[in-house]
Each structure stands twice: as C-alpha cells, then as structure tokens.
Amino acid sequence: FMVYSLRDPIGANLDRIQIVKGWLAADGKPQEKVYDVAWADQDNRKPGSDGKLPPVGNTVDIKKAIWFNTIGASELGTVWTDPDFDPKNRAFYYARVLEIPTPRWVVYDALRFGVKIPEGAETIQQERVYTSPIWYTP
C-alpha cells in the first residue's frame, strides 16, 4: 500500500498514519490489528518492546484554547506491506491518520463565554480521518 497524508492548511500537524486490518480467524471470530506505518519524528520516536508507538506529545494550552504546531509533521507518507499477509484469507484494510492533540470544543466554549470547564470534561482530543476500506478476496 502507498499512503500519504497532508495536514489541513489551518489545522494541526500530523501524528501518525496507521493501517487497520480486519479478518476472520479460523474459528470465525472477527480480528483486528492496527499497524503504525508512518509517524512524525521517526528518528527519535520508536515503538516500544510492546510494539506500541509512544505519544507524539502535547502542546495544548487549555487557558488560551490553542495548540502549537511545534510537534508532528505537515505531511507523512510511506509504502507498506502487510507482514502478516496470507493470500488464502479474506481481509480488509483502511488507513487512519491522527493529528497531534488539540483542544476540545468545551475548551473553546469556556474561553469564548468566560465560564469554567465542567469538572471531569475531556479537554484534549486527537482528530482522525479514515479512508474507504480496501477489500482483499483470494
């Protein structure tokens, strides 16, 4: 697969591109696996021993309801081959792109209307975009 993403000109930088794979196991139960295939700061940010990529970081300033594009990347892309591909099994794949963390709407509303953020409210999010699936049938 060739995947490429470019950040929105007025949006947040990109954290990573993931490929999500789904298939049915031999027992008929649905399975899913997420592969991190491209990410910002690949020279310094490596998957851990558990295979999980560490967070990109966080530049959100809750009091000012802003974030800074000082982390992440303006574009990401790669060519990726499924290391677990079995040509005998059906599967589907789609790409998912995550941005760096940004404030949630409740933070903007609190600033705009001069009110307190409700206790326990989520204040930070990572926006995502998904592609249409690619279906593989043997």
Foldseek 3Di string as FASTA:
>chain_A
DKDKDFDDPPDFAWAFKKKKKWFADPVRDIDIDIATDKGWPVVPWAQDPVRHTDAQDFQEDLQVQFGDNPTHHRMIIDDDDPPPDDLQTKMKMKMKIKGHKGFDPLSVVCNVVVHDRDPPDDTIDIDMDMDDMDIRDD
